[in-house]
Each structure stands twice: as C-alpha cells, then as structure tokens.
Protein backbone atom coordinates (compact mmCIF):
# COMPACT_ATOMS: atom_id res chain seq x y z
CA UNK A 1 47.95 119.47 41.63
CA UNK A 2 50.47 122.09 42.74
CA UNK A 3 50.27 123.40 46.27
CA UNK A 4 50.72 127.03 47.23
CA UNK A 5 53.91 127.73 49.15
CA UNK A 6 52.98 129.18 52.54
CA UNK A 7 55.52 131.16 54.54
CA UNK A 8 55.10 132.09 58.17
CA UNK A 9 55.38 135.77 58.90
CA UNK A 10 57.71 136.25 61.92
CA UNK A 11 56.45 139.76 62.46
CA UNK A 12 52.95 138.45 62.90
CA UNK A 13 53.84 135.87 65.59
CA UNK A 14 53.71 138.45 68.30
CA UNK A 15 50.39 139.90 67.24
CA UNK A 16 47.22 139.60 69.27
CA UNK A 17 45.23 136.36 69.27
CA UNK A 18 42.39 138.16 67.50
CA UNK A 19 44.52 138.53 64.34
CA UNK A 20 43.38 136.30 61.49
CA UNK A 21 45.36 133.29 60.32
CA UNK A 22 45.87 135.07 57.00
CA UNK A 23 47.87 137.76 58.79
CA UNK A 24 50.13 135.06 60.32
CA UNK A 25 50.98 133.36 57.02
CA UNK A 26 51.64 134.69 53.54
CA UNK A 27 51.51 132.82 50.24
CA UNK A 28 54.39 132.94 47.74
CA UNK A 29 53.53 133.77 44.11
CA UNK A 30 53.09 130.49 42.22
CA UNK A 31 54.64 131.92 39.04
CA UNK A 32 57.85 133.70 40.01
CA UNK A 33 58.28 132.01 43.43
CA UNK A 34 59.91 135.22 44.67
CA UNK A 35 57.27 137.73 45.80
CA UNK A 36 54.33 137.37 48.15
CA UNK A 37 51.06 136.75 46.29
CA UNK A 38 48.51 139.56 46.49
CA UNK A 39 45.94 138.35 43.98
CA UNK A 40 43.99 135.21 43.10
CA UNK A 41 42.99 134.08 39.60
CA UNK A 42 39.16 133.77 39.58
CA UNK A 43 39.35 130.77 37.22
CA UNK A 44 42.00 128.44 38.66
CA UNK A 45 42.51 130.06 42.10
CA UNK A 46 46.26 130.37 41.49
CA UNK A 47 47.93 133.00 43.64
CA UNK A 48 50.10 135.59 41.85
CA UNK A 49 51.85 138.87 42.70
CA UNK A 50 51.61 141.10 39.60
CA UNK A 51 50.21 141.55 36.10
CA UNK A 52 53.23 139.92 34.35
CA UNK A 53 52.81 136.85 36.55
CA UNK A 54 49.08 136.74 35.78
CA UNK A 55 49.83 136.85 32.05
CA UNK A 56 52.28 133.97 32.41
CA UNK A 57 50.52 131.78 34.96
CA UNK A 58 48.13 130.06 32.49
CA UNK A 59 47.50 130.64 28.82
CA UNK A 60 44.27 128.69 29.19
CA UNK A 61 42.94 131.16 31.77
CA UNK A 62 43.78 134.30 29.76
CA UNK A 63 42.39 132.82 26.54
CA UNK A 64 39.17 131.72 28.25
CA UNK A 65 38.81 135.21 29.72
CA UNK A 66 39.04 136.82 26.28
CA UNK A 67 36.79 134.14 24.76
CA UNK A 68 34.06 134.90 27.29
CA UNK A 69 34.32 138.62 26.47
CA UNK A 70 33.96 137.86 22.76
CA UNK A 71 30.93 135.62 23.32
CA UNK A 72 29.25 138.25 25.50
CA UNK A 73 29.81 140.85 22.79
CA UNK A 74 28.58 138.56 19.99
CA UNK A 75 25.40 137.79 21.92
CA UNK A 76 24.60 141.52 21.87
CA UNK A 77 24.92 141.67 18.07
CA UNK A 78 21.40 140.56 17.17
CA UNK A 79 20.06 141.37 13.68
CA UNK A 80 17.33 143.63 15.04
CA UNK A 81 19.30 145.48 17.68
CA UNK A 82 19.11 149.23 18.13
CA UNK A 83 22.46 149.96 16.49
CA UNK A 84 21.40 148.20 13.27
CA UNK A 85 18.16 150.16 13.10
CA UNK A 86 20.09 153.37 13.64
CA UNK A 87 22.53 152.39 10.89
CA UNK A 88 19.63 151.83 8.49
CA UNK A 89 18.32 155.31 9.31
CA UNK A 90 21.77 156.76 8.55
CA UNK A 91 21.86 154.96 5.19
CA UNK A 92 18.37 156.12 4.22
CA UNK A 93 19.12 159.73 5.17
CA UNK A 94 22.46 159.64 3.35
CA UNK A 95 20.86 158.18 0.22
CA UNK A 96 18.12 160.82 0.22
CA UNK A 97 20.62 163.68 0.61
CA UNK A 98 22.84 162.30 -2.17
CA UNK A 99 19.84 162.11 -4.51
CA UNK A 100 18.92 165.73 -3.78
CA UNK A 101 22.48 166.92 -4.35
CA UNK A 102 22.96 164.91 -7.54
CA UNK A 103 20.15 166.71 -9.39
CA UNK A 104 21.71 168.97 -12.00
CA UNK A 105 25.31 168.19 -11.00
CA UNK A 106 26.34 165.84 -13.79
CA UNK A 107 28.92 168.31 -15.09
CA UNK A 108 32.12 169.13 -13.24
CA UNK A 109 32.04 172.22 -11.04
CA UNK A 110 35.51 173.19 -12.27
CA UNK A 111 36.41 174.56 -15.66
CA UNK A 112 38.73 172.53 -17.89
CA UNK A 113 41.45 175.16 -17.51
CA UNK A 114 41.29 175.04 -13.71
CA UNK A 115 41.39 171.24 -13.71
CA UNK A 116 44.53 171.29 -15.85
CA UNK A 117 46.20 173.70 -13.40
CA UNK A 118 45.39 171.43 -10.47
CA UNK A 119 46.60 168.33 -12.30
CA UNK A 120 49.88 169.97 -13.35
CA UNK A 121 50.61 171.05 -9.78
CA UNK A 122 50.50 174.77 -10.49
CA UNK A 123 49.90 177.13 -7.60
CA UNK A 124 46.36 178.50 -7.65
CA UNK A 125 45.62 181.84 -6.00
CA UNK A 126 42.12 183.11 -5.44
CA UNK A 127 43.20 186.53 -6.77
CA UNK A 128 43.81 184.95 -10.19
CA UNK A 129 40.27 183.53 -10.41
CA UNK A 130 37.03 185.18 -11.42
CA UNK A 131 34.10 185.33 -9.00
CA UNK A 132 32.42 182.46 -10.82
CA UNK A 133 35.62 180.36 -10.69
CA UNK A 134 36.07 181.06 -6.97
CA UNK A 135 32.51 179.90 -6.36
CA UNK A 136 33.07 176.70 -8.37
CA UNK A 137 36.43 176.08 -6.70
CA UNK A 138 34.90 176.29 -3.22
CA UNK A 139 32.02 174.02 -4.26
CA UNK A 140 34.50 171.44 -5.60
CA UNK A 141 36.52 171.68 -2.42
CA UNK A 142 33.45 171.08 -0.24
CA UNK A 143 32.07 168.25 -2.42
CA UNK A 144 35.36 166.35 -2.50
CA UNK A 145 35.85 166.68 -6.27
CA UNK A 146 39.38 168.01 -5.76
CA UNK A 147 40.34 165.16 -3.47
CA UNK A 148 39.72 162.71 -6.33
CA UNK A 149 42.61 164.31 -8.23
CA UNK A 150 45.09 163.63 -5.40
CA UNK A 151 46.93 160.32 -5.35
CA UNK A 152 45.48 158.30 -2.44
CA UNK A 153 47.73 157.82 0.55
CA UNK A 154 48.79 154.29 1.50
CA UNK A 155 48.16 153.89 5.27
CA UNK A 156 51.16 152.71 7.27
CA UNK A 157 49.08 150.01 9.01
CA UNK A 158 48.54 148.34 5.60
CA UNK A 159 52.26 148.06 4.85
CA UNK A 160 54.29 144.86 5.46
CA UNK A 161 56.83 146.79 7.54
CA UNK A 162 54.11 147.48 10.14
CA UNK A 163 54.27 143.81 11.15
CA UNK A 164 57.86 144.11 12.35
CA UNK A 165 57.66 147.13 14.67
CA UNK A 166 60.00 146.86 17.64
CA UNK A 167 59.73 148.74 20.92
CA UNK A 168 61.62 148.51 24.20
CA UNK A 169 60.08 146.41 26.99
CA UNK A 170 59.09 149.67 28.73
CA UNK A 171 57.18 150.74 25.59
CA UNK A 172 59.59 153.44 24.44
CA UNK A 173 60.97 153.86 20.93
CA UNK A 174 64.13 151.91 20.15
CA UNK A 175 66.92 154.36 19.25
CA UNK A 176 68.56 153.83 15.86
CA UNK A 177 72.29 154.50 16.05
CA UNK A 178 73.67 156.60 13.19
CA UNK A 179 77.44 156.70 12.67
CA UNK A 180 79.39 159.76 11.53
CA UNK A 181 80.21 157.99 8.28
CA UNK A 182 76.50 157.69 7.55
CA UNK A 183 75.86 161.38 8.14
CA UNK A 184 78.88 162.56 6.12
CA UNK A 185 78.23 160.50 3.00
CA UNK A 186 74.45 160.41 2.99
CA UNK A 187 72.52 162.05 0.19
CA UNK A 188 69.71 164.25 1.60
CA UNK A 189 67.60 163.45 -1.47
CA UNK A 190 67.73 159.71 -0.76
CA UNK A 191 65.60 158.15 1.95
CA UNK A 192 68.03 156.00 3.92
CA UNK A 193 65.50 154.04 5.87
CA UNK A 194 61.91 154.09 4.64
CA UNK A 195 60.82 152.39 7.86
CA UNK A 196 61.57 155.57 9.82
CA UNK A 197 59.22 157.68 7.72
CA UNK A 198 56.41 155.29 6.98
CA UNK A 199 55.84 153.98 10.52
CA UNK A 200 55.10 156.50 13.31
CA UNK A 201 57.50 156.42 16.22
CA UNK A 202 56.59 155.01 19.59
CA UNK A 203 56.78 156.90 22.91
CA UNK A 204 59.97 158.91 23.40
CA UNK A 205 60.26 157.93 27.07
CA UNK A 206 59.32 154.82 29.09
CA UNK A 207 55.59 154.42 29.76
CA UNK A 208 54.62 154.49 33.45
CA UNK A 209 52.56 151.67 34.92
CA UNK A 210 48.83 152.19 35.41
CA UNK A 211 49.37 152.01 39.18
CA UNK A 212 51.46 155.17 38.93
CA UNK A 213 48.65 156.97 37.06
CA UNK A 214 45.63 155.92 39.09
CA UNK A 215 44.65 153.98 42.19
CA UNK A 216 41.35 152.96 40.63
CA UNK A 217 41.00 149.79 38.56
CA UNK A 218 40.84 150.62 34.81
CA UNK A 219 37.36 150.52 33.29
CA UNK A 220 36.44 147.23 31.56
CA UNK A 221 35.07 149.39 28.73
CA UNK A 222 38.49 150.66 27.66
CA UNK A 223 38.63 148.11 24.81
CA UNK A 224 35.39 149.57 23.42
CA UNK A 225 36.73 153.11 23.78
CA UNK A 226 39.89 152.04 21.95
CA UNK A 227 37.75 151.19 18.90
CA UNK A 228 36.31 154.73 18.92
CA UNK A 229 39.78 156.27 19.19
CA UNK A 230 41.26 154.12 16.41
CA UNK A 231 38.37 155.03 14.10
CA UNK A 232 39.00 158.74 14.72
CA UNK A 233 42.76 158.32 14.19
CA UNK A 234 42.36 156.44 10.90
CA UNK A 235 39.72 158.89 9.66
CA UNK A 236 41.89 161.92 10.42
CA UNK A 237 44.98 160.47 8.73
CA UNK A 238 43.00 159.47 5.64
CA UNK A 239 41.35 162.90 5.47
CA UNK A 240 44.77 164.61 5.61
CA UNK A 241 46.32 162.07 3.25
CA UNK A 242 48.69 160.94 5.99
CA UNK A 243 50.15 164.40 6.62
CA UNK A 244 48.54 165.84 9.72
CA UNK A 245 51.68 167.96 10.28
CA UNK A 246 50.45 170.37 7.59
CA UNK A 247 47.59 171.50 9.85
CA UNK A 248 47.79 170.07 13.39
CA UNK A 249 45.04 172.30 14.78
CA UNK A 250 42.64 171.45 11.97
CA UNK A 251 43.49 167.76 12.25
CA UNK A 252 43.00 167.72 16.02
CA UNK A 253 39.65 169.51 15.63
CA UNK A 254 38.53 166.86 13.13
CA UNK A 255 39.74 164.08 15.44
CA UNK A 256 37.76 165.38 18.41
CA UNK A 257 34.61 165.82 16.35
CA UNK A 258 34.88 162.21 15.13
CA UNK A 259 35.73 160.61 18.49
CA UNK A 260 32.85 160.90 20.93
CA UNK A 261 35.04 159.39 23.66
CA UNK A 262 37.61 162.19 23.41
CA UNK A 263 35.45 165.04 22.11
CA UNK A 264 32.29 164.58 24.19
CA UNK A 265 33.50 162.35 27.05
CA UNK A 266 31.08 159.65 25.87
CA UNK A 267 31.30 156.16 27.38
CA UNK A 268 29.95 153.64 24.85
CA UNK A 269 29.39 150.21 26.35
CA UNK A 270 29.56 148.05 23.22
CA UNK A 271 31.53 148.04 19.98
CA UNK A 272 28.37 148.51 17.84
CA UNK A 273 27.43 151.55 19.91
CA UNK A 274 30.90 153.08 19.51
CA UNK A 275 31.03 152.45 15.76
CA UNK A 276 27.48 153.70 15.15
CA UNK A 277 28.33 157.10 16.65
CA UNK A 278 31.49 157.36 14.52
CA UNK A 279 29.74 156.29 11.32
CA UNK A 280 26.90 158.73 11.94
CA UNK A 281 29.47 161.54 12.12
CA UNK A 282 31.20 160.29 8.96
CA UNK A 283 27.88 160.42 7.08
CA UNK A 284 26.97 163.87 8.44
CA UNK A 285 26.89 166.91 6.09
CA UNK A 286 30.28 168.02 7.44
CA UNK A 287 32.13 164.89 6.26
CA UNK A 288 29.81 163.18 3.80
CA UNK A 289 31.94 164.38 0.86
CA UNK A 290 34.88 162.28 2.12
CA UNK A 291 33.16 159.02 1.17
CA UNK A 292 30.17 158.54 3.43
CA UNK A 293 29.11 155.01 4.31
CA UNK A 294 31.62 153.32 2.00
CA UNK A 295 34.48 155.20 3.68
CA UNK A 296 33.08 154.19 7.07
CA UNK A 297 33.28 150.50 6.13
CA UNK A 298 36.87 151.06 5.00
CA UNK A 299 37.70 152.71 8.32
CA UNK A 300 36.25 149.75 10.23
CA UNK A 301 38.59 147.57 8.15
CA UNK A 302 41.45 149.91 9.16
CA UNK A 303 40.64 149.22 12.82
CA UNK A 304 40.75 145.47 12.16
CA UNK A 305 44.13 145.82 10.42
CA UNK A 306 45.61 147.88 13.25
CA UNK A 307 44.35 145.50 15.95
CA UNK A 308 45.69 142.53 13.98
CA UNK A 309 49.18 144.07 14.01
CA UNK A 310 49.24 143.72 17.78
CA UNK A 311 50.70 145.50 20.77
CA UNK A 312 53.57 147.53 19.27
CA UNK A 313 51.57 148.89 16.34
CA UNK A 314 48.77 150.00 18.67
CA UNK A 315 51.24 151.80 20.95
CA UNK A 316 52.78 153.58 17.92
CA UNK A 317 49.34 154.58 16.59
CA UNK A 318 48.26 156.01 19.95
CA UNK A 319 51.60 157.81 20.37
CA UNK A 320 51.23 159.37 16.93
CA UNK A 321 47.68 160.43 17.81
CA UNK A 322 48.94 161.93 21.08
CA UNK A 323 51.59 163.93 19.20
CA UNK A 324 48.90 165.17 16.80
CA UNK A 325 46.74 166.47 19.66
CA UNK A 326 49.71 168.07 21.44
CA UNK A 327 50.76 169.79 18.18
CA UNK A 328 47.22 171.11 17.86
CA UNK A 329 47.42 172.47 21.41
CA UNK A 330 50.68 174.25 20.63
CA UNK A 331 49.25 175.80 17.47
CA UNK A 332 46.11 176.90 19.32
CA UNK A 333 48.23 179.15 21.56
CA UNK A 334 49.25 181.21 18.53
CA UNK A 335 45.72 181.54 17.15
CA UNK A 336 43.81 184.78 17.62
CA UNK A 337 40.64 183.44 19.20
CA UNK A 338 38.32 184.82 21.82
CA UNK A 339 39.36 184.11 25.39
CA UNK A 340 36.34 181.87 26.07
CA UNK A 341 36.62 179.95 22.80
CA UNK A 342 40.37 179.49 23.22
CA UNK A 343 39.95 178.27 26.81
CA UNK A 344 37.27 175.74 25.81
CA UNK A 345 39.28 174.42 22.88
CA UNK A 346 42.45 174.18 24.96
CA UNK A 347 40.60 172.32 27.72
CA UNK A 348 39.19 169.80 25.23
CA UNK A 349 42.56 169.17 23.64
CA UNK A 350 44.24 168.83 27.03
CA UNK A 351 41.62 166.28 28.12
CA UNK A 352 42.02 164.36 24.86
CA UNK A 353 45.80 164.25 25.27
CA UNK A 354 45.46 162.86 28.79
CA UNK A 355 43.02 160.18 27.64
CA UNK A 356 45.32 159.15 24.82
CA UNK A 357 48.31 158.87 27.14
CA UNK A 358 46.34 156.77 29.63
CA UNK A 359 45.04 154.57 26.78
CA UNK A 360 48.62 154.09 25.52
CA UNK A 361 49.75 152.95 28.98
CA UNK A 362 46.74 150.64 29.27
CA UNK A 363 47.38 149.06 25.85
CA UNK A 364 51.05 148.57 26.77
CA UNK A 365 50.08 146.47 29.81
CA UNK A 366 47.56 144.23 28.04
CA UNK A 367 48.47 140.66 27.02
CA UNK A 368 48.95 139.92 23.32
CA UNK A 369 45.91 137.62 23.46
CA UNK A 370 43.64 140.64 24.00
CA UNK A 371 43.70 141.95 20.42
CA UNK A 372 42.64 139.05 18.13
CA UNK A 373 39.27 138.63 19.94
CA UNK A 374 38.63 142.38 19.79
CA UNK A 375 39.50 142.38 16.08
CA UNK A 376 37.02 139.53 15.61
CA UNK A 377 34.25 141.56 17.25
CA UNK A 378 34.94 144.44 14.86
CA UNK A 379 34.99 141.98 11.93
CA UNK A 380 31.50 140.81 12.82
CA UNK A 381 30.32 144.41 12.89
CA UNK A 382 31.97 145.10 9.52
CA UNK A 383 30.14 142.12 7.97
CA UNK A 384 26.87 143.51 9.30
CA UNK A 385 27.61 146.94 7.78
CA UNK A 386 28.47 145.40 4.40
CA UNK A 387 25.22 143.46 4.48
CA UNK A 388 23.29 146.67 5.13
CA UNK A 389 25.14 148.46 2.34
CA UNK A 390 24.46 145.66 -0.15
CA UNK A 391 20.78 145.58 0.78
CA UNK A 392 20.54 149.34 0.39
CA UNK A 393 22.05 149.25 -3.12
CA UNK A 394 19.72 146.43 -4.18
CA UNK A 395 16.72 148.45 -3.01
CA UNK A 396 18.08 151.49 -4.84
CA UNK A 397 18.41 149.54 -8.12
CA UNK A 398 14.89 148.15 -7.72
CA UNK A 399 13.45 151.63 -7.22
CA UNK A 400 15.26 152.92 -10.31
CA UNK A 401 13.95 150.01 -12.41
CA UNK A 402 10.41 150.72 -11.24
CA UNK A 403 10.84 154.40 -12.09
CA UNK A 404 12.09 153.53 -15.59
CA UNK A 405 9.12 151.23 -16.19
CA UNK A 406 6.73 153.96 -15.07
CA UNK A 407 8.39 156.50 -17.39
CA UNK A 408 8.15 154.10 -20.34
CA UNK A 409 4.44 153.48 -19.64
CA UNK A 410 3.78 157.21 -19.50
C-alpha cells in the first residue's frame, strides 16, 4: 500500500503550541507529486490536489461513483411510480383529443392546386389566396400537414462525423487554417468541408473553470437538468428543421417553453421527472401537431445519441444552444413590444443564456465516464415509454374491434 508523502511546513514551526499537527505538516498530492493535497477521495482515502488529479487517481473509484449513481436512479424507476402514472394520463388525454380532432378530417385541408404550389417550391402569398384558402392554409399550418411535405432534416448528432469532433483542451473550437490558395480557387457553390456546416462549432474562447464562476459546489442535480436542456435543444432543432437561424427569437421562445429548467427555473430531481415535464409539453395543444408522444420517444433517443457521443459533442451542442438564445436576445431588442413584456422576455433569455454557459463549463470539467451511465438511465426511461405506447395502441385496437362488433350486431 502506498504511503502519503508528508512534508513539514517550516512556516508552521514557529506557531503556537495550540496549533494542530495538521497545520505543521502538509501532504503531497499522490497523483502529480507536485502540489499540496487539499482533498481526500471518500472511497480510497487518497489525497489529491485538483479535479484532474481526482479523475486520474483511480479509474475504479470514478467508475464505482457513477455506478452507484446509476443504481440509485434505477431503484427509483419502479413500474408504478408517479411519473409513469402521469405519462399514462398524458397518453389518454392525447388519444382522446386526437379522436375528437380526427372526426370529419379525412380529406386534406388544402386544395390540390395549393398542394402543387407548395410541392413545386413556388412562393405563396396570402394576397393571392381566397378567404377559404387562407383559412385552410392556416389550419394545415397549425395541424402539421405542411410539415409532412418538407424533407426531414438529418440531425447532426446522428451523423458519423459527430463521433470525431475535436476541441482544444480548454474547450474552445479548434481553428481550421485556410490558405490563400484555397480562398482564391475555391468555388462558392461547392461545400469544401461538410464537417464545418453539419456539426455546430464549439466555444469561441476558452471555457473558465467552475471555481472562477462560483464559490459554491455545483449541484449534484446538474446531470438531471442536462437531460431537460438536451431535450429542449433537440426539439427546437427538429421543429425548425435544423435551421434556427431563420427565426432566432421564435426558436428561443420555443426552447424556453419546452425546458422547464431554463424557462421556469424548475429543479427536477430525477430523470423521469425531467422527461415527464418535457413530454407533457410536447403533447400539449401548442405542440401536439409536431408528432406528440411518438416524437417525444424520438427526442429521448436523441438525448441518448448525444450523450453517447461524449464530452466534445455535448460541449458543441450546448454552445450551439447558447448561440441560439443569444441570437434571440439580440433580435428581441429590435422587436416592438411593450416595455414590461420586453423586459420580462429579455430577463428570461438572459437567465437561460447564463445557465447554458454554466452548464457548458460544468460538462467540460466532467470525466468521460460520466456520460455512458447517464445515457443508460435515459435508455431505461425510453424503454418504459415505448412499453406504455405499445400498451396504449393495443388497447386502442381492442376498443375499435369491440366497436365494430357492436355496429355489426346493431
């Protein structure tokens, strides 16, 4: 067994006899053997000086720490827990509303002529439409019928290139050098490097340490809050087909309404609690047309994919989200809103931007071993959601069969 290196402190030799023995001697960090140790590992009692040394002192300790967190979370995921009951209520309500809306809506809301214009990419102006066509167009827009005609966007976190993201050790974006020859001979119509466009950039400047941002220890619930934020990010990008730049203010408004952590300063304590709130919002009348419960399951899978990519992908995702919110703030300044409304919106966006920046710095300092266990927790929750969805569809088919039998008897 290794022994801690103890160094006598000359400055302490002249101190009063009442001073403790700890003040007279200081322990050298067992990992780097350079700095004085300030912390003790609660598992193996090794003394270390900083977070990097903690990460490197024992893989067994860090893995056991994450394993215990996973087991604690899995123990909370009982089949009859409150979140599952709430999810069933969401499914029942969603199914009932869809049945009510489906009555008498078998035909398309849009005329054949209008559909052809949309499909051909022609510009459609409301002035060119009749009152009846305007009404149908707005109904199709709200119901999501138009979105079905748009080619679905392929999320960057699903692409192979997302597995090879590189950032500087300080978390900032690596600069790609471009020579004069490249700029003089390049064709503006040709994408030179698809990686630049398909993967969001990381932070433009080095990320500060958490100690520079706060003197308080980060909340142990930040991993849960990260799940909420990733859900909101993935939802917003899918809703805008990957192009939030077309409407930063609208996109940031959507993001804050979906994320209870950023929009309402909520502090969920478990992953099921965080996901339940997000899914309830996804199935609400405001967003139900985007895909409802099925979309929610897909978004949970998006979270798993992003977490599985690891540290650099998470930093890039959070940086992209931060840029989205900041762009929304900039656009808000040019909007003609009431003073009170503008102040409230600006305050919310400013708070969201600060949370995202802090979360980015926190993610940057976490060990790589932190993300696979968290992804596993979300996977368990996804399996539970799929089970609920399957059970709901089976019950729906059974009810329809019973209705058909009753109609035949009548």
